[in-house]
Amino acid sequence: MPRRRLLLLVLLLTGCGSSVQAAAECLTLDLRSDGKEIEATVRVTEPADWRVVVVHEGHVAWRGTRHGPFTYTHRMKDYSGPDRVTVRAMGPGGKVCTKTDQVYE
C-alpha cells in the first residue's frame, strides 16, 4: 500500500508525462467588458492542432479544436461583480497551456 501512494505522489508531481507550459509561451487571453457582455480573445502562437476549453465562472463556455496559430473570440454574459475566465489549450505531445484572468464591470 505505501508503494502505491509513493507511485501516485510521483505521478502527480511529474504531471503524468505532460508538459505544462507558461501561458506566455503559447497563448494569450484578452478580456473586455461593456457591462453586459464579455469578449474573450484567445491567441495561440504555435502551429499545431489544439484542443481549447474556455471556462467562465466555473462553467464550460466553449470547447473546440483549432489549428494554430489562431485567434478565437468568444462572447459571454457579464455577471455582476468580477468575472473569472480561464482558457486551457492542449497541444501536441501532451503540452498544456493555461491562462486565467478576471474582468470587472
N, C-alpha and C. Protein backbone atom coordinates (compact mmCIF):
# COMPACT_ATOMS: atom_id res chain seq x y z
N MET A 1 0.80 -1.21 0.00
CA MET A 1 0.00 0.00 0.00
C MET A 1 0.85 1.27 0.00
N PRO A 2 1.93 1.37 0.81
CA PRO A 2 2.76 2.56 0.77
C PRO A 2 3.41 2.78 -0.60
N ARG A 3 3.71 1.70 -1.32
CA ARG A 3 4.32 1.84 -2.64
C ARG A 3 3.34 2.49 -3.62
N ARG A 4 2.05 2.16 -3.49
CA ARG A 4 1.04 2.78 -4.36
C ARG A 4 0.96 4.28 -4.10
N ARG A 5 1.00 4.65 -2.85
CA ARG A 5 0.94 6.08 -2.51
C ARG A 5 2.16 6.81 -3.04
N LEU A 6 3.31 6.19 -2.92
CA LEU A 6 4.53 6.80 -3.43
C LEU A 6 4.45 6.95 -4.95
N LEU A 7 3.97 5.92 -5.64
CA LEU A 7 3.82 5.98 -7.09
C LEU A 7 2.83 7.09 -7.48
N LEU A 8 1.71 7.18 -6.79
CA LEU A 8 0.72 8.22 -7.06
C LEU A 8 1.32 9.60 -6.84
N LEU A 9 2.07 9.76 -5.77
CA LEU A 9 2.71 11.04 -5.49
C LEU A 9 3.71 11.41 -6.59
N VAL A 10 4.50 10.46 -7.04
CA VAL A 10 5.47 10.70 -8.12
C VAL A 10 4.74 11.10 -9.40
N LEU A 11 3.66 10.40 -9.73
CA LEU A 11 2.90 10.73 -10.94
C LEU A 11 2.30 12.12 -10.86
N LEU A 12 1.77 12.48 -9.70
CA LEU A 12 1.20 13.82 -9.53
C LEU A 12 2.26 14.90 -9.66
N LEU A 13 3.41 14.67 -9.07
CA LEU A 13 4.47 15.68 -9.12
C LEU A 13 5.07 15.82 -10.51
N THR A 14 5.13 14.75 -11.27
CA THR A 14 5.70 14.82 -12.62
C THR A 14 4.65 15.17 -13.66
N GLY A 15 3.38 15.19 -13.30
CA GLY A 15 2.34 15.54 -14.25
C GLY A 15 1.98 14.42 -15.19
N CYS A 16 2.29 13.20 -14.84
CA CYS A 16 1.95 12.02 -15.64
C CYS A 16 2.51 12.12 -17.06
N GLY A 17 3.64 12.77 -17.23
CA GLY A 17 4.27 12.83 -18.53
C GLY A 17 3.88 14.03 -19.37
N SER A 18 2.93 14.84 -18.93
CA SER A 18 2.56 16.00 -19.73
C SER A 18 3.49 17.16 -19.38
N SER A 19 3.60 18.10 -20.30
CA SER A 19 4.43 19.27 -20.04
C SER A 19 3.54 20.49 -19.98
N VAL A 20 3.50 21.13 -18.83
CA VAL A 20 2.69 22.34 -18.66
C VAL A 20 3.60 23.53 -18.94
N GLN A 21 3.19 24.35 -19.88
CA GLN A 21 3.99 25.50 -20.29
C GLN A 21 3.45 26.77 -19.65
N ALA A 22 4.32 27.72 -19.45
CA ALA A 22 3.87 29.04 -19.01
C ALA A 22 2.97 29.60 -20.11
N ALA A 23 1.87 30.22 -19.70
CA ALA A 23 0.89 30.70 -20.68
C ALA A 23 1.50 31.68 -21.66
N ALA A 24 2.45 32.50 -21.21
CA ALA A 24 3.06 33.49 -22.09
C ALA A 24 3.81 32.83 -23.25
N GLU A 25 4.18 31.57 -23.07
CA GLU A 25 4.93 30.89 -24.11
C GLU A 25 4.06 30.44 -25.28
N CYS A 26 2.78 30.18 -25.04
CA CYS A 26 2.00 29.64 -26.16
C CYS A 26 0.61 30.24 -26.31
N LEU A 27 0.08 30.98 -25.31
CA LEU A 27 -1.23 31.58 -25.51
C LEU A 27 -1.37 32.88 -24.76
N THR A 28 -2.28 33.72 -25.27
CA THR A 28 -2.65 34.95 -24.57
C THR A 28 -4.16 34.99 -24.44
N LEU A 29 -4.63 35.70 -23.43
CA LEU A 29 -6.07 35.86 -23.17
C LEU A 29 -6.32 37.34 -22.92
N ASP A 30 -7.17 37.94 -23.73
CA ASP A 30 -7.57 39.34 -23.55
C ASP A 30 -9.05 39.38 -23.26
N LEU A 31 -9.42 40.04 -22.16
CA LEU A 31 -10.83 40.17 -21.77
C LEU A 31 -11.26 41.62 -21.87
N ARG A 32 -12.46 41.83 -22.41
CA ARG A 32 -13.06 43.16 -22.48
C ARG A 32 -14.53 43.03 -22.08
N SER A 33 -15.01 44.05 -21.37
CA SER A 33 -16.41 44.04 -20.95
C SER A 33 -17.06 45.38 -21.24
N ASP A 34 -18.32 45.32 -21.68
CA ASP A 34 -19.09 46.55 -21.86
C ASP A 34 -20.19 46.65 -20.80
N GLY A 35 -20.13 45.79 -19.77
CA GLY A 35 -21.12 45.79 -18.71
C GLY A 35 -22.24 44.78 -18.94
N LYS A 36 -22.45 44.37 -20.18
CA LYS A 36 -23.48 43.39 -20.50
C LYS A 36 -22.89 42.09 -21.02
N GLU A 37 -21.75 42.23 -21.71
CA GLU A 37 -21.14 41.08 -22.37
C GLU A 37 -19.62 41.13 -22.20
N ILE A 38 -19.02 39.95 -22.07
CA ILE A 38 -17.57 39.83 -22.02
C ILE A 38 -17.10 39.27 -23.35
N GLU A 39 -16.05 39.85 -23.87
CA GLU A 39 -15.43 39.34 -25.08
C GLU A 39 -14.06 38.79 -24.69
N ALA A 40 -13.88 37.49 -24.86
CA ALA A 40 -12.61 36.83 -24.56
C ALA A 40 -11.93 36.50 -25.87
N THR A 41 -10.73 37.02 -26.06
CA THR A 41 -9.95 36.75 -27.26
C THR A 41 -8.75 35.90 -26.87
N VAL A 42 -8.67 34.71 -27.47
CA VAL A 42 -7.61 33.76 -27.20
C VAL A 42 -6.70 33.69 -28.43
N ARG A 43 -5.41 33.82 -28.19
CA ARG A 43 -4.44 33.71 -29.29
C ARG A 43 -3.44 32.61 -28.94
N VAL A 44 -3.28 31.68 -29.86
CA VAL A 44 -2.27 30.63 -29.72
C VAL A 44 -1.27 30.84 -30.85
N THR A 45 0.01 30.87 -30.49
CA THR A 45 1.04 31.25 -31.46
C THR A 45 1.74 30.07 -32.11
N GLU A 46 1.56 28.88 -31.58
CA GLU A 46 2.30 27.73 -32.09
C GLU A 46 1.49 26.95 -33.13
N PRO A 47 2.14 26.55 -34.23
CA PRO A 47 1.44 25.77 -35.26
C PRO A 47 1.29 24.31 -34.83
N ALA A 48 0.05 23.92 -34.61
CA ALA A 48 -0.28 22.54 -34.23
C ALA A 48 -1.79 22.47 -34.08
N ASP A 49 -2.30 21.26 -33.86
CA ASP A 49 -3.71 21.10 -33.53
C ASP A 49 -3.86 21.26 -32.03
N TRP A 50 -4.82 22.09 -31.60
CA TRP A 50 -5.03 22.40 -30.19
C TRP A 50 -6.47 22.12 -29.80
N ARG A 51 -6.65 21.49 -28.66
CA ARG A 51 -7.98 21.37 -28.05
C ARG A 51 -8.08 22.49 -27.02
N VAL A 52 -9.11 23.32 -27.14
CA VAL A 52 -9.22 24.52 -26.33
C VAL A 52 -10.52 24.48 -25.53
N VAL A 53 -10.43 24.89 -24.26
CA VAL A 53 -11.60 25.00 -23.40
C VAL A 53 -11.60 26.38 -22.78
N VAL A 54 -12.73 27.10 -22.89
CA VAL A 54 -12.93 28.40 -22.25
C VAL A 54 -13.91 28.18 -21.11
N VAL A 55 -13.49 28.53 -19.89
CA VAL A 55 -14.32 28.35 -18.69
C VAL A 55 -14.64 29.72 -18.11
N HIS A 56 -15.93 29.98 -17.92
CA HIS A 56 -16.40 31.25 -17.35
C HIS A 56 -17.11 30.96 -16.04
N GLU A 57 -16.55 31.47 -14.95
CA GLU A 57 -17.11 31.28 -13.61
C GLU A 57 -17.40 29.80 -13.30
N GLY A 58 -16.46 28.93 -13.65
CA GLY A 58 -16.56 27.51 -13.31
C GLY A 58 -17.40 26.67 -14.26
N HIS A 59 -17.92 27.28 -15.32
CA HIS A 59 -18.75 26.55 -16.29
C HIS A 59 -18.09 26.61 -17.66
N VAL A 60 -18.12 25.51 -18.39
CA VAL A 60 -17.53 25.49 -19.73
C VAL A 60 -18.37 26.38 -20.64
N ALA A 61 -17.75 27.44 -21.16
CA ALA A 61 -18.43 28.36 -22.06
C ALA A 61 -18.26 27.94 -23.50
N TRP A 62 -17.12 27.31 -23.81
CA TRP A 62 -16.86 26.84 -25.17
C TRP A 62 -15.77 25.79 -25.13
N ARG A 63 -15.89 24.82 -26.01
CA ARG A 63 -14.88 23.77 -26.15
C ARG A 63 -14.79 23.44 -27.63
N GLY A 64 -13.56 23.35 -28.13
CA GLY A 64 -13.41 23.05 -29.54
C GLY A 64 -11.97 22.76 -29.91
N THR A 65 -11.75 22.53 -31.19
CA THR A 65 -10.43 22.24 -31.73
C THR A 65 -10.09 23.27 -32.78
N ARG A 66 -8.86 23.76 -32.73
CA ARG A 66 -8.38 24.73 -33.71
C ARG A 66 -6.97 24.34 -34.12
N HIS A 67 -6.57 24.76 -35.32
CA HIS A 67 -5.20 24.54 -35.78
C HIS A 67 -4.46 25.87 -35.69
N GLY A 68 -3.34 25.87 -34.99
CA GLY A 68 -2.60 27.09 -34.74
C GLY A 68 -1.61 27.41 -35.83
N PRO A 69 -1.14 28.63 -35.85
CA PRO A 69 -1.53 29.68 -34.93
C PRO A 69 -2.94 30.19 -35.26
N PHE A 70 -3.68 30.61 -34.22
CA PHE A 70 -5.05 31.07 -34.42
C PHE A 70 -5.43 32.11 -33.39
N THR A 71 -6.51 32.82 -33.71
CA THR A 71 -7.16 33.75 -32.78
C THR A 71 -8.62 33.35 -32.73
N TYR A 72 -9.14 33.19 -31.52
CA TYR A 72 -10.54 32.82 -31.34
C TYR A 72 -11.18 33.82 -30.39
N THR A 73 -12.35 34.32 -30.74
CA THR A 73 -13.08 35.27 -29.89
C THR A 73 -14.40 34.64 -29.47
N HIS A 74 -14.66 34.70 -28.17
CA HIS A 74 -15.90 34.14 -27.62
C HIS A 74 -16.59 35.21 -26.78
N ARG A 75 -17.91 35.35 -26.98
CA ARG A 75 -18.68 36.30 -26.20
C ARG A 75 -19.55 35.55 -25.19
N MET A 76 -19.64 36.12 -23.99
CA MET A 76 -20.45 35.51 -22.94
C MET A 76 -21.06 36.60 -22.07
N LYS A 77 -22.09 36.25 -21.33
CA LYS A 77 -22.79 37.20 -20.47
C LYS A 77 -21.86 37.69 -19.37
N ASP A 78 -21.96 38.98 -19.07
CA ASP A 78 -21.19 39.58 -17.98
C ASP A 78 -22.05 39.58 -16.72
N TYR A 79 -21.64 38.79 -15.73
CA TYR A 79 -22.36 38.73 -14.47
C TYR A 79 -22.00 39.95 -13.63
N SER A 80 -22.80 40.26 -12.62
CA SER A 80 -22.47 41.37 -11.74
C SER A 80 -21.24 41.02 -10.91
N GLY A 81 -20.39 42.01 -10.68
CA GLY A 81 -19.15 41.78 -9.95
C GLY A 81 -18.07 41.27 -10.88
N PRO A 82 -16.92 40.90 -10.31
CA PRO A 82 -15.82 40.41 -11.15
C PRO A 82 -16.13 39.04 -11.76
N ASP A 83 -15.73 38.85 -13.00
CA ASP A 83 -15.91 37.57 -13.69
C ASP A 83 -14.54 36.96 -13.94
N ARG A 84 -14.42 35.67 -13.68
CA ARG A 84 -13.16 34.95 -13.89
C ARG A 84 -13.30 34.06 -15.12
N VAL A 85 -12.31 34.16 -16.02
CA VAL A 85 -12.29 33.36 -17.25
C VAL A 85 -10.95 32.62 -17.30
N THR A 86 -11.02 31.33 -17.58
CA THR A 86 -9.82 30.50 -17.71
C THR A 86 -9.83 29.85 -19.09
N VAL A 87 -8.67 29.82 -19.73
CA VAL A 87 -8.52 29.13 -21.01
C VAL A 87 -7.45 28.08 -20.83
N ARG A 88 -7.75 26.88 -21.32
CA ARG A 88 -6.79 25.77 -21.28
C ARG A 88 -6.67 25.23 -22.69
N ALA A 89 -5.43 25.20 -23.19
CA ALA A 89 -5.16 24.70 -24.53
C ALA A 89 -4.24 23.49 -24.42
N MET A 90 -4.68 22.37 -25.01
CA MET A 90 -3.90 21.14 -25.00
C MET A 90 -3.39 20.89 -26.42
N GLY A 91 -2.07 20.77 -26.55
CA GLY A 91 -1.45 20.64 -27.85
C GLY A 91 -0.73 19.33 -28.04
N PRO A 92 0.21 19.32 -28.97
CA PRO A 92 0.92 18.09 -29.31
C PRO A 92 1.81 17.61 -28.17
N GLY A 93 1.93 16.30 -28.06
CA GLY A 93 2.81 15.71 -27.05
C GLY A 93 2.39 15.96 -25.62
N GLY A 94 1.11 16.26 -25.40
CA GLY A 94 0.63 16.50 -24.05
C GLY A 94 0.93 17.89 -23.53
N LYS A 95 1.34 18.80 -24.39
CA LYS A 95 1.64 20.17 -23.98
C LYS A 95 0.34 20.87 -23.55
N VAL A 96 0.38 21.52 -22.38
CA VAL A 96 -0.79 22.19 -21.83
C VAL A 96 -0.43 23.62 -21.49
N CYS A 97 -1.25 24.56 -21.96
CA CYS A 97 -1.07 25.98 -21.63
C CYS A 97 -2.36 26.46 -20.99
N THR A 98 -2.24 27.17 -19.88
CA THR A 98 -3.40 27.66 -19.15
C THR A 98 -3.22 29.13 -18.80
N LYS A 99 -4.28 29.91 -18.94
CA LYS A 99 -4.25 31.32 -18.58
C LYS A 99 -5.58 31.67 -17.92
N THR A 100 -5.52 32.37 -16.79
CA THR A 100 -6.72 32.81 -16.07
C THR A 100 -6.64 34.32 -15.88
N ASP A 101 -7.79 34.99 -16.04
CA ASP A 101 -7.85 36.43 -15.83
C ASP A 101 -9.23 36.79 -15.32
N GLN A 102 -9.34 37.99 -14.77
CA GLN A 102 -10.62 38.49 -14.30
C GLN A 102 -10.94 39.80 -15.02
N VAL A 103 -12.22 40.04 -15.18
CA VAL A 103 -12.67 41.31 -15.74
C VAL A 103 -13.68 41.89 -14.76
N TYR A 104 -13.62 43.21 -14.60
CA TYR A 104 -14.51 43.92 -13.69
C TYR A 104 -15.43 44.81 -14.52
N GLU A 105 -16.61 45.06 -14.00
CA GLU A 105 -17.57 45.91 -14.72
C GLU A 105 -17.02 47.28 -14.93
